[in-house]
Amino acid sequence: MSVQQCLNLINKLGRKRFHAYIEPAYEHANGVFKYVGRYIRRGPISERRIVGYNSQQVTIAYAHQEKHDKATFNLPVKSFIQRMLTHVPEKGTHVVRSYGLFHPNCREKLNLARKHLGQAPYLPTLEVPSALALLQHIFNDPKIGRCPVCASELRTVFIYRGGQAPRWKLAA
């Protein structure tokens, strides 16, 4: 599209009448705070709603069971993982990690509070398991992360993040 064609399109769209529906303001902000707070602080699904797994499907309990005929529904594993990954923030996105006593800078205050409650101090784990180890633990399948032909362990050589890689790396 040429520059003149682009300007013509912008002018044409500028003359078009758009109708937008704007929701009325909430009477109370409490509902908004609760919704946003739950979403920021927790993941897309609580662990207690995941009630079963049989290597083919994940069984999930409905959050509001009174609205459904059955108490649970099944998702294929691949679909479940895809849905979970849609909630992973993109690289560079600022998200709320922790606050208050749970912020890393407040470790002493947290341990003091735990001491007053008769709990052991919080000691963060230093070893982070690899993605492969987590997948093998979750799915209990030793073949995960292995080549289907020679059974050697697969390694991540390069991660392509759309449009950020030099052309020569895309061939690898």
N, C-alpha and C. Protein backbone atom coordinates (compact mmCIF):
# COMPACT_ATOMS: atom_id res chain seq x y z
N MET A 1 0.85 -1.17 0.00
CA MET A 1 0.00 0.00 0.00
C MET A 1 0.90 1.23 0.00
N SER A 2 0.59 2.17 -0.84
CA SER A 2 1.39 3.39 -0.91
C SER A 2 1.00 4.33 0.24
N VAL A 3 1.81 5.35 0.44
CA VAL A 3 1.53 6.33 1.49
C VAL A 3 0.19 7.02 1.23
N GLN A 4 -0.06 7.39 -0.02
CA GLN A 4 -1.31 8.08 -0.36
C GLN A 4 -2.51 7.17 -0.11
N GLN A 5 -2.41 5.88 -0.47
CA GLN A 5 -3.50 4.94 -0.23
C GLN A 5 -3.75 4.79 1.27
N CYS A 6 -2.69 4.78 2.06
CA CYS A 6 -2.83 4.67 3.52
C CYS A 6 -3.54 5.90 4.08
N LEU A 7 -3.14 7.09 3.61
CA LEU A 7 -3.80 8.32 4.07
C LEU A 7 -5.27 8.35 3.66
N ASN A 8 -5.56 7.89 2.44
CA ASN A 8 -6.96 7.82 2.00
C ASN A 8 -7.78 6.89 2.89
N LEU A 9 -7.20 5.75 3.26
CA LEU A 9 -7.91 4.80 4.13
C LEU A 9 -8.16 5.41 5.51
N ILE A 10 -7.17 6.11 6.05
CA ILE A 10 -7.33 6.76 7.35
C ILE A 10 -8.44 7.81 7.29
N ASN A 11 -8.45 8.62 6.21
CA ASN A 11 -9.50 9.63 6.05
C ASN A 11 -10.87 8.98 5.94
N LYS A 12 -10.95 7.89 5.20
CA LYS A 12 -12.23 7.19 5.03
C LYS A 12 -12.72 6.63 6.36
N LEU A 13 -11.81 6.04 7.12
CA LEU A 13 -12.20 5.51 8.43
C LEU A 13 -12.56 6.62 9.40
N GLY A 14 -11.92 7.78 9.26
CA GLY A 14 -12.22 8.92 10.13
C GLY A 14 -13.62 9.46 9.93
N ARG A 15 -14.17 9.30 8.73
CA ARG A 15 -15.53 9.77 8.46
C ARG A 15 -16.60 8.75 8.87
N LYS A 16 -16.19 7.53 9.13
CA LYS A 16 -17.14 6.47 9.49
C LYS A 16 -17.60 6.67 10.93
N ARG A 17 -18.88 6.48 11.15
CA ARG A 17 -19.43 6.62 12.51
C ARG A 17 -19.32 5.29 13.24
N PHE A 18 -18.67 5.31 14.39
CA PHE A 18 -18.52 4.12 15.21
C PHE A 18 -19.42 4.25 16.43
N HIS A 19 -20.01 3.16 16.84
CA HIS A 19 -20.83 3.13 18.05
C HIS A 19 -20.16 2.19 19.04
N ALA A 20 -19.78 2.71 20.17
CA ALA A 20 -19.13 1.91 21.20
C ALA A 20 -20.04 1.85 22.41
N TYR A 21 -20.16 0.66 22.99
CA TYR A 21 -20.94 0.51 24.22
C TYR A 21 -19.98 0.49 25.39
N ILE A 22 -20.16 1.39 26.31
CA ILE A 22 -19.31 1.46 27.49
C ILE A 22 -20.13 1.05 28.70
N GLU A 23 -19.62 0.06 29.41
CA GLU A 23 -20.32 -0.44 30.61
C GLU A 23 -20.40 0.67 31.66
N PRO A 24 -21.49 0.70 32.42
CA PRO A 24 -21.55 1.68 33.51
C PRO A 24 -20.54 1.32 34.60
N ALA A 25 -20.13 2.31 35.37
CA ALA A 25 -19.16 2.09 36.44
C ALA A 25 -19.74 1.17 37.50
N TYR A 26 -18.88 0.39 38.14
CA TYR A 26 -19.32 -0.48 39.23
C TYR A 26 -19.71 0.39 40.42
N GLU A 27 -20.73 -0.07 41.15
CA GLU A 27 -21.13 0.65 42.36
C GLU A 27 -20.08 0.48 43.45
N HIS A 28 -19.51 -0.72 43.53
CA HIS A 28 -18.50 -1.00 44.55
C HIS A 28 -17.24 -1.51 43.87
N ALA A 29 -16.11 -1.04 44.33
CA ALA A 29 -14.84 -1.49 43.75
C ALA A 29 -14.40 -2.82 44.34
N ASN A 30 -15.09 -3.30 45.39
CA ASN A 30 -14.66 -4.54 46.05
C ASN A 30 -14.63 -5.72 45.10
N GLY A 31 -15.63 -5.85 44.26
CA GLY A 31 -15.67 -6.97 43.33
C GLY A 31 -14.51 -6.94 42.35
N VAL A 32 -14.17 -5.76 41.88
CA VAL A 32 -13.04 -5.61 40.96
C VAL A 32 -11.74 -5.96 41.68
N PHE A 33 -11.58 -5.47 42.90
CA PHE A 33 -10.36 -5.77 43.67
C PHE A 33 -10.22 -7.27 43.91
N LYS A 34 -11.32 -7.91 44.26
CA LYS A 34 -11.25 -9.35 44.52
C LYS A 34 -10.87 -10.12 43.25
N TYR A 35 -11.50 -9.76 42.13
CA TYR A 35 -11.20 -10.45 40.87
C TYR A 35 -9.75 -10.26 40.47
N VAL A 36 -9.30 -9.03 40.45
CA VAL A 36 -7.92 -8.75 40.04
C VAL A 36 -6.94 -9.35 41.04
N GLY A 37 -7.25 -9.24 42.31
CA GLY A 37 -6.37 -9.81 43.33
C GLY A 37 -6.22 -11.31 43.20
N ARG A 38 -7.32 -12.00 42.94
CA ARG A 38 -7.24 -13.46 42.76
C ARG A 38 -6.41 -13.80 41.55
N TYR A 39 -6.60 -13.06 40.47
CA TYR A 39 -5.90 -13.37 39.23
C TYR A 39 -4.40 -13.06 39.34
N ILE A 40 -4.06 -11.96 40.00
CA ILE A 40 -2.65 -11.59 40.14
C ILE A 40 -1.93 -12.54 41.08
N ARG A 41 -2.55 -12.87 42.17
CA ARG A 41 -1.90 -13.64 43.21
C ARG A 41 -1.84 -15.13 42.90
N ARG A 42 -2.81 -15.64 42.19
CA ARG A 42 -2.88 -17.07 41.91
C ARG A 42 -2.75 -17.31 40.41
N GLY A 43 -2.63 -18.56 40.06
CA GLY A 43 -2.56 -18.93 38.66
C GLY A 43 -3.94 -19.03 38.05
N PRO A 44 -4.02 -19.48 36.82
CA PRO A 44 -5.30 -19.57 36.13
C PRO A 44 -6.23 -20.64 36.70
N ILE A 45 -5.68 -21.62 37.42
CA ILE A 45 -6.50 -22.67 38.01
C ILE A 45 -5.85 -23.12 39.31
N SER A 46 -6.64 -23.34 40.34
CA SER A 46 -6.07 -23.78 41.61
C SER A 46 -5.77 -25.28 41.54
N GLU A 47 -4.76 -25.69 42.27
CA GLU A 47 -4.34 -27.10 42.24
C GLU A 47 -5.44 -28.03 42.72
N ARG A 48 -6.27 -27.58 43.63
CA ARG A 48 -7.30 -28.48 44.16
C ARG A 48 -8.40 -28.77 43.15
N ARG A 49 -8.49 -27.92 42.09
CA ARG A 49 -9.49 -28.20 41.05
C ARG A 49 -9.03 -29.29 40.09
N ILE A 50 -7.73 -29.56 40.05
CA ILE A 50 -7.21 -30.66 39.22
C ILE A 50 -7.36 -31.93 40.05
N VAL A 51 -8.36 -32.74 39.69
CA VAL A 51 -8.70 -33.89 40.53
C VAL A 51 -8.24 -35.23 39.98
N GLY A 52 -7.74 -35.25 38.74
CA GLY A 52 -7.30 -36.54 38.20
C GLY A 52 -6.46 -36.39 36.94
N TYR A 53 -5.67 -37.43 36.69
CA TYR A 53 -4.83 -37.48 35.49
C TYR A 53 -4.56 -38.94 35.19
N ASN A 54 -4.74 -39.34 33.93
CA ASN A 54 -4.52 -40.75 33.57
C ASN A 54 -3.60 -40.91 32.36
N SER A 55 -2.65 -40.00 32.17
CA SER A 55 -1.68 -39.95 31.07
C SER A 55 -2.31 -39.60 29.72
N GLN A 56 -3.61 -39.54 29.64
CA GLN A 56 -4.29 -39.13 28.41
C GLN A 56 -5.09 -37.85 28.62
N GLN A 57 -5.73 -37.76 29.79
CA GLN A 57 -6.61 -36.62 30.07
C GLN A 57 -6.41 -36.12 31.49
N VAL A 58 -6.72 -34.84 31.67
CA VAL A 58 -6.70 -34.21 32.99
C VAL A 58 -8.15 -33.96 33.38
N THR A 59 -8.52 -34.39 34.58
CA THR A 59 -9.89 -34.19 35.08
C THR A 59 -9.88 -32.97 35.98
N ILE A 60 -10.77 -32.02 35.67
CA ILE A 60 -10.81 -30.75 36.39
C ILE A 60 -12.22 -30.54 36.95
N ALA A 61 -12.30 -30.10 38.20
CA ALA A 61 -13.58 -29.78 38.81
C ALA A 61 -13.98 -28.37 38.39
N TYR A 62 -15.26 -28.20 38.11
CA TYR A 62 -15.76 -26.86 37.78
C TYR A 62 -15.63 -25.95 39.00
N ALA A 63 -15.32 -24.68 38.78
CA ALA A 63 -15.21 -23.72 39.87
C ALA A 63 -16.58 -23.47 40.50
N HIS A 64 -17.62 -23.37 39.66
CA HIS A 64 -18.98 -23.16 40.14
C HIS A 64 -19.82 -24.36 39.68
N GLN A 65 -19.79 -25.42 40.48
CA GLN A 65 -20.41 -26.67 40.08
C GLN A 65 -21.92 -26.56 39.96
N GLU A 66 -22.53 -25.61 40.66
CA GLU A 66 -23.99 -25.48 40.62
C GLU A 66 -24.48 -25.05 39.24
N LYS A 67 -23.60 -24.50 38.42
CA LYS A 67 -23.98 -24.04 37.08
C LYS A 67 -23.86 -25.13 36.02
N HIS A 68 -23.39 -26.32 36.39
CA HIS A 68 -23.11 -27.36 35.40
C HIS A 68 -23.83 -28.66 35.76
N ASP A 69 -24.04 -29.48 34.74
CA ASP A 69 -24.70 -30.77 34.96
C ASP A 69 -23.80 -31.75 35.71
N LYS A 70 -22.50 -31.72 35.38
CA LYS A 70 -21.54 -32.62 36.03
C LYS A 70 -20.61 -31.79 36.91
N ALA A 71 -19.96 -32.46 37.85
CA ALA A 71 -19.06 -31.77 38.76
C ALA A 71 -17.68 -31.55 38.14
N THR A 72 -17.30 -32.37 37.14
CA THR A 72 -15.98 -32.29 36.54
C THR A 72 -16.05 -32.33 35.02
N PHE A 73 -14.93 -31.99 34.38
CA PHE A 73 -14.81 -32.16 32.93
C PHE A 73 -13.39 -32.62 32.63
N ASN A 74 -13.21 -33.24 31.47
CA ASN A 74 -11.91 -33.77 31.07
C ASN A 74 -11.34 -32.95 29.91
N LEU A 75 -10.02 -32.80 29.93
CA LEU A 75 -9.29 -32.14 28.85
C LEU A 75 -8.14 -33.04 28.43
N PRO A 76 -7.89 -33.15 27.13
CA PRO A 76 -6.67 -33.86 26.73
C PRO A 76 -5.45 -33.12 27.29
N VAL A 77 -4.39 -33.87 27.60
CA VAL A 77 -3.21 -33.29 28.22
C VAL A 77 -2.65 -32.14 27.39
N LYS A 78 -2.57 -32.33 26.09
CA LYS A 78 -2.01 -31.29 25.22
C LYS A 78 -2.84 -30.01 25.31
N SER A 79 -4.15 -30.13 25.32
CA SER A 79 -5.03 -28.97 25.41
C SER A 79 -4.87 -28.28 26.77
N PHE A 80 -4.74 -29.07 27.83
CA PHE A 80 -4.56 -28.52 29.17
C PHE A 80 -3.28 -27.70 29.24
N ILE A 81 -2.19 -28.26 28.71
CA ILE A 81 -0.91 -27.55 28.74
C ILE A 81 -0.98 -26.28 27.90
N GLN A 82 -1.63 -26.35 26.74
CA GLN A 82 -1.78 -25.16 25.90
C GLN A 82 -2.55 -24.08 26.63
N ARG A 83 -3.62 -24.46 27.32
CA ARG A 83 -4.41 -23.47 28.06
C ARG A 83 -3.60 -22.85 29.19
N MET A 84 -2.80 -23.68 29.88
CA MET A 84 -1.98 -23.15 30.96
C MET A 84 -0.92 -22.19 30.43
N LEU A 85 -0.31 -22.53 29.29
CA LEU A 85 0.75 -21.69 28.75
C LEU A 85 0.25 -20.36 28.22
N THR A 86 -1.05 -20.26 27.92
CA THR A 86 -1.57 -18.96 27.49
C THR A 86 -1.54 -17.95 28.62
N HIS A 87 -1.40 -18.41 29.85
CA HIS A 87 -1.37 -17.52 31.01
C HIS A 87 0.05 -17.15 31.43
N VAL A 88 1.06 -17.68 30.76
CA VAL A 88 2.44 -17.33 31.07
C VAL A 88 2.72 -15.96 30.45
N PRO A 89 3.14 -14.99 31.25
CA PRO A 89 3.37 -13.65 30.70
C PRO A 89 4.54 -13.65 29.72
N GLU A 90 4.47 -12.76 28.73
CA GLU A 90 5.55 -12.64 27.75
C GLU A 90 6.79 -12.09 28.43
N LYS A 91 7.95 -12.35 27.82
CA LYS A 91 9.21 -11.87 28.36
C LYS A 91 9.17 -10.34 28.45
N GLY A 92 9.56 -9.81 29.58
CA GLY A 92 9.59 -8.37 29.77
C GLY A 92 8.33 -7.81 30.39
N THR A 93 7.27 -8.62 30.54
CA THR A 93 6.03 -8.15 31.14
C THR A 93 6.22 -8.07 32.65
N HIS A 94 5.84 -6.94 33.23
CA HIS A 94 5.96 -6.79 34.68
C HIS A 94 4.73 -7.40 35.34
N VAL A 95 4.97 -8.30 36.28
CA VAL A 95 3.88 -8.93 36.99
C VAL A 95 4.14 -8.82 38.49
N VAL A 96 3.11 -8.95 39.28
CA VAL A 96 3.25 -8.92 40.72
C VAL A 96 3.75 -10.29 41.16
N ARG A 97 4.89 -10.33 41.76
CA ARG A 97 5.46 -11.59 42.21
C ARG A 97 5.11 -11.87 43.67
N SER A 98 5.46 -10.96 44.53
CA SER A 98 5.17 -11.15 45.94
C SER A 98 5.19 -9.78 46.62
N TYR A 99 4.52 -9.71 47.75
CA TYR A 99 4.45 -8.45 48.46
C TYR A 99 4.32 -8.75 49.95
N GLY A 100 4.45 -7.72 50.77
CA GLY A 100 4.33 -7.89 52.21
C GLY A 100 5.41 -8.80 52.77
N LEU A 101 5.04 -9.67 53.68
CA LEU A 101 5.99 -10.57 54.31
C LEU A 101 6.61 -11.56 53.32
N PHE A 102 5.94 -11.78 52.20
CA PHE A 102 6.43 -12.77 51.25
C PHE A 102 7.42 -12.20 50.25
N HIS A 103 7.68 -10.90 50.30
CA HIS A 103 8.68 -10.30 49.41
C HIS A 103 10.06 -10.75 49.89
N PRO A 104 10.97 -11.04 48.97
CA PRO A 104 12.30 -11.52 49.37
C PRO A 104 13.04 -10.59 50.32
N ASN A 105 12.79 -9.29 50.25
CA ASN A 105 13.47 -8.36 51.16
C ASN A 105 12.94 -8.43 52.59
N CYS A 106 11.81 -9.09 52.80
CA CYS A 106 11.20 -9.17 54.13
C CYS A 106 11.36 -10.56 54.75
N ARG A 107 12.40 -11.28 54.36
CA ARG A 107 12.60 -12.64 54.84
C ARG A 107 12.72 -12.70 56.35
N GLU A 108 13.43 -11.73 56.95
CA GLU A 108 13.61 -11.72 58.41
C GLU A 108 12.27 -11.53 59.11
N LYS A 109 11.45 -10.61 58.61
CA LYS A 109 10.14 -10.37 59.21
C LYS A 109 9.24 -11.61 59.06
N LEU A 110 9.31 -12.26 57.90
CA LEU A 110 8.53 -13.47 57.68
C LEU A 110 8.94 -14.55 58.67
N ASN A 111 10.24 -14.76 58.85
CA ASN A 111 10.70 -15.79 59.77
C ASN A 111 10.37 -15.46 61.22
N LEU A 112 10.36 -14.17 61.56
CA LEU A 112 9.94 -13.76 62.90
C LEU A 112 8.46 -14.09 63.10
N ALA A 113 7.63 -13.79 62.10
CA ALA A 113 6.20 -14.11 62.19
C ALA A 113 6.01 -15.63 62.28
N ARG A 114 6.75 -16.39 61.50
CA ARG A 114 6.65 -17.86 61.55
C ARG A 114 7.07 -18.38 62.93
N LYS A 115 8.09 -17.75 63.51
CA LYS A 115 8.55 -18.16 64.85
C LYS A 115 7.44 -17.94 65.88
N HIS A 116 6.77 -16.77 65.80
CA HIS A 116 5.68 -16.47 66.74
C HIS A 116 4.51 -17.44 66.56
N LEU A 117 4.34 -17.96 65.35
CA LEU A 117 3.27 -18.91 65.09
C LEU A 117 3.70 -20.36 65.33
N GLY A 118 4.93 -20.56 65.78
CA GLY A 118 5.41 -21.91 66.06
C GLY A 118 5.78 -22.69 64.81
N GLN A 119 6.15 -22.00 63.75
CA GLN A 119 6.53 -22.66 62.51
C GLN A 119 8.04 -22.54 62.29
N ALA A 120 8.55 -23.45 61.49
CA ALA A 120 9.97 -23.42 61.15
C ALA A 120 10.24 -22.25 60.22
N PRO A 121 11.45 -21.70 60.24
CA PRO A 121 11.76 -20.59 59.34
C PRO A 121 11.71 -21.03 57.88
N TYR A 122 11.39 -20.09 57.03
CA TYR A 122 11.33 -20.36 55.59
C TYR A 122 12.74 -20.34 55.02
N LEU A 123 13.12 -21.41 54.38
CA LEU A 123 14.41 -21.49 53.71
C LEU A 123 14.15 -21.74 52.24
N PRO A 124 14.48 -20.77 51.38
CA PRO A 124 14.21 -20.97 49.95
C PRO A 124 15.10 -22.06 49.38
N THR A 125 14.57 -22.79 48.41
CA THR A 125 15.36 -23.82 47.75
C THR A 125 16.28 -23.15 46.75
N LEU A 126 17.50 -23.60 46.69
CA LEU A 126 18.47 -23.01 45.78
C LEU A 126 18.51 -23.74 44.45
N GLU A 127 18.15 -25.01 44.46
CA GLU A 127 18.20 -25.79 43.23
C GLU A 127 16.86 -25.72 42.51
N VAL A 128 16.89 -25.27 41.28
CA VAL A 128 15.69 -25.20 40.46
C VAL A 128 15.74 -26.38 39.49
N PRO A 129 14.71 -27.25 39.51
CA PRO A 129 14.75 -28.40 38.62
C PRO A 129 14.62 -27.96 37.16
N SER A 130 15.18 -28.75 36.27
CA SER A 130 15.09 -28.44 34.84
C SER A 130 13.67 -28.72 34.36
N ALA A 131 13.33 -28.15 33.21
CA ALA A 131 12.01 -28.38 32.63
C ALA A 131 11.81 -29.86 32.33
N LEU A 132 12.87 -30.53 31.88
CA LEU A 132 12.80 -31.95 31.58
C LEU A 132 12.50 -32.76 32.84
N ALA A 133 13.18 -32.44 33.94
CA ALA A 133 12.94 -33.15 35.20
C ALA A 133 11.50 -32.95 35.67
N LEU A 134 10.98 -31.72 35.53
CA LEU A 134 9.59 -31.46 35.92
C LEU A 134 8.61 -32.26 35.06
N LEU A 135 8.82 -32.28 33.75
CA LEU A 135 7.93 -33.04 32.87
C LEU A 135 7.97 -34.53 33.19
N GLN A 136 9.16 -35.07 33.43
CA GLN A 136 9.27 -36.49 33.77
C GLN A 136 8.58 -36.79 35.10
N HIS A 137 8.67 -35.85 36.05
CA HIS A 137 8.01 -36.04 37.34
C HIS A 137 6.48 -35.97 37.21
N ILE A 138 6.01 -34.99 36.43
CA ILE A 138 4.56 -34.81 36.27
C ILE A 138 3.93 -35.98 35.53
N PHE A 139 4.54 -36.36 34.41
CA PHE A 139 3.92 -37.38 33.57
C PHE A 139 4.41 -38.79 33.86
N ASN A 140 5.42 -38.92 34.71
CA ASN A 140 5.94 -40.23 35.12
C ASN A 140 6.24 -41.10 33.90
N ASP A 141 6.90 -40.50 32.90
CA ASP A 141 7.23 -41.21 31.67
C ASP A 141 8.72 -41.00 31.37
N PRO A 142 9.53 -42.06 31.47
CA PRO A 142 10.97 -41.89 31.23
C PRO A 142 11.31 -41.55 29.78
N LYS A 143 10.36 -41.75 28.84
CA LYS A 143 10.63 -41.46 27.43
C LYS A 143 10.53 -39.97 27.11
N ILE A 144 9.92 -39.19 28.01
CA ILE A 144 9.80 -37.75 27.75
C ILE A 144 11.20 -37.14 27.74
N GLY A 145 11.47 -36.35 26.72
CA GLY A 145 12.77 -35.71 26.60
C GLY A 145 13.84 -36.60 26.00
N ARG A 146 13.45 -37.71 25.44
CA ARG A 146 14.39 -38.64 24.79
C ARG A 146 14.04 -38.77 23.31
N CYS A 147 15.05 -38.95 22.49
CA CYS A 147 14.86 -39.13 21.06
C CYS A 147 14.12 -40.45 20.83
N PRO A 148 13.04 -40.45 20.03
CA PRO A 148 12.29 -41.69 19.80
C PRO A 148 13.08 -42.72 19.00
N VAL A 149 14.16 -42.31 18.32
CA VAL A 149 14.94 -43.24 17.50
C VAL A 149 16.10 -43.84 18.30
N CYS A 150 16.95 -42.97 18.87
CA CYS A 150 18.16 -43.48 19.53
C CYS A 150 18.08 -43.43 21.06
N ALA A 151 17.03 -42.83 21.63
CA ALA A 151 16.78 -42.74 23.08
C ALA A 151 17.79 -41.86 23.82
N SER A 152 18.58 -41.05 23.10
CA SER A 152 19.48 -40.15 23.80
C SER A 152 18.69 -38.93 24.28
N GLU A 153 19.23 -38.27 25.32
CA GLU A 153 18.52 -37.14 25.92
C GLU A 153 18.53 -35.94 24.98
N LEU A 154 17.35 -35.33 24.79
CA LEU A 154 17.23 -34.15 23.95
C LEU A 154 17.68 -32.93 24.74
N ARG A 155 18.37 -32.02 24.07
CA ARG A 155 18.85 -30.80 24.71
C ARG A 155 18.31 -29.59 23.95
N THR A 156 18.02 -28.52 24.65
CA THR A 156 17.62 -27.27 24.01
C THR A 156 18.88 -26.58 23.52
N VAL A 157 18.95 -26.36 22.21
CA VAL A 157 20.10 -25.71 21.63
C VAL A 157 19.82 -24.23 21.41
N PHE A 158 18.61 -23.92 21.03
CA PHE A 158 18.27 -22.54 20.69
C PHE A 158 16.78 -22.36 20.87
N ILE A 159 16.38 -21.23 21.43
CA ILE A 159 14.96 -20.89 21.57
C ILE A 159 14.69 -19.69 20.69
N TYR A 160 13.77 -19.83 19.76
CA TYR A 160 13.42 -18.75 18.84
C TYR A 160 12.27 -17.94 19.43
N ARG A 161 12.50 -16.67 19.63
CA ARG A 161 11.46 -15.76 20.10
C ARG A 161 11.13 -14.85 18.93
N GLY A 162 9.97 -15.05 18.32
CA GLY A 162 9.53 -14.40 17.10
C GLY A 162 10.18 -13.08 16.75
N GLY A 163 10.96 -13.07 15.67
CA GLY A 163 11.52 -11.85 15.14
C GLY A 163 12.74 -11.34 15.84
N GLN A 164 13.22 -12.00 16.88
CA GLN A 164 14.35 -11.48 17.63
C GLN A 164 15.66 -12.19 17.29
N ALA A 165 15.61 -13.20 16.44
CA ALA A 165 16.80 -13.98 16.15
C ALA A 165 17.40 -13.56 14.81
N PRO A 166 18.73 -13.57 14.72
CA PRO A 166 19.35 -13.33 13.42
C PRO A 166 18.98 -14.46 12.45
N ARG A 167 18.92 -14.16 11.17
CA ARG A 167 18.50 -15.15 10.17
C ARG A 167 19.36 -16.39 10.20
N TRP A 168 20.66 -16.25 10.45
CA TRP A 168 21.56 -17.41 10.39
C TRP A 168 21.24 -18.42 11.48
N LYS A 169 20.64 -17.99 12.62
CA LYS A 169 20.31 -18.92 13.69
C LYS A 169 19.04 -19.71 13.40
N LEU A 170 18.20 -19.22 12.50
CA LEU A 170 16.94 -19.88 12.23
C LEU A 170 17.15 -21.21 11.51
N ALA A 171 18.28 -21.39 10.87
CA ALA A 171 18.54 -22.63 10.13
C ALA A 171 18.93 -23.77 11.06
N ALA A 172 19.33 -23.45 12.29
CA ALA A 172 19.81 -24.48 13.21
C ALA A 172 18.73 -25.39 13.68
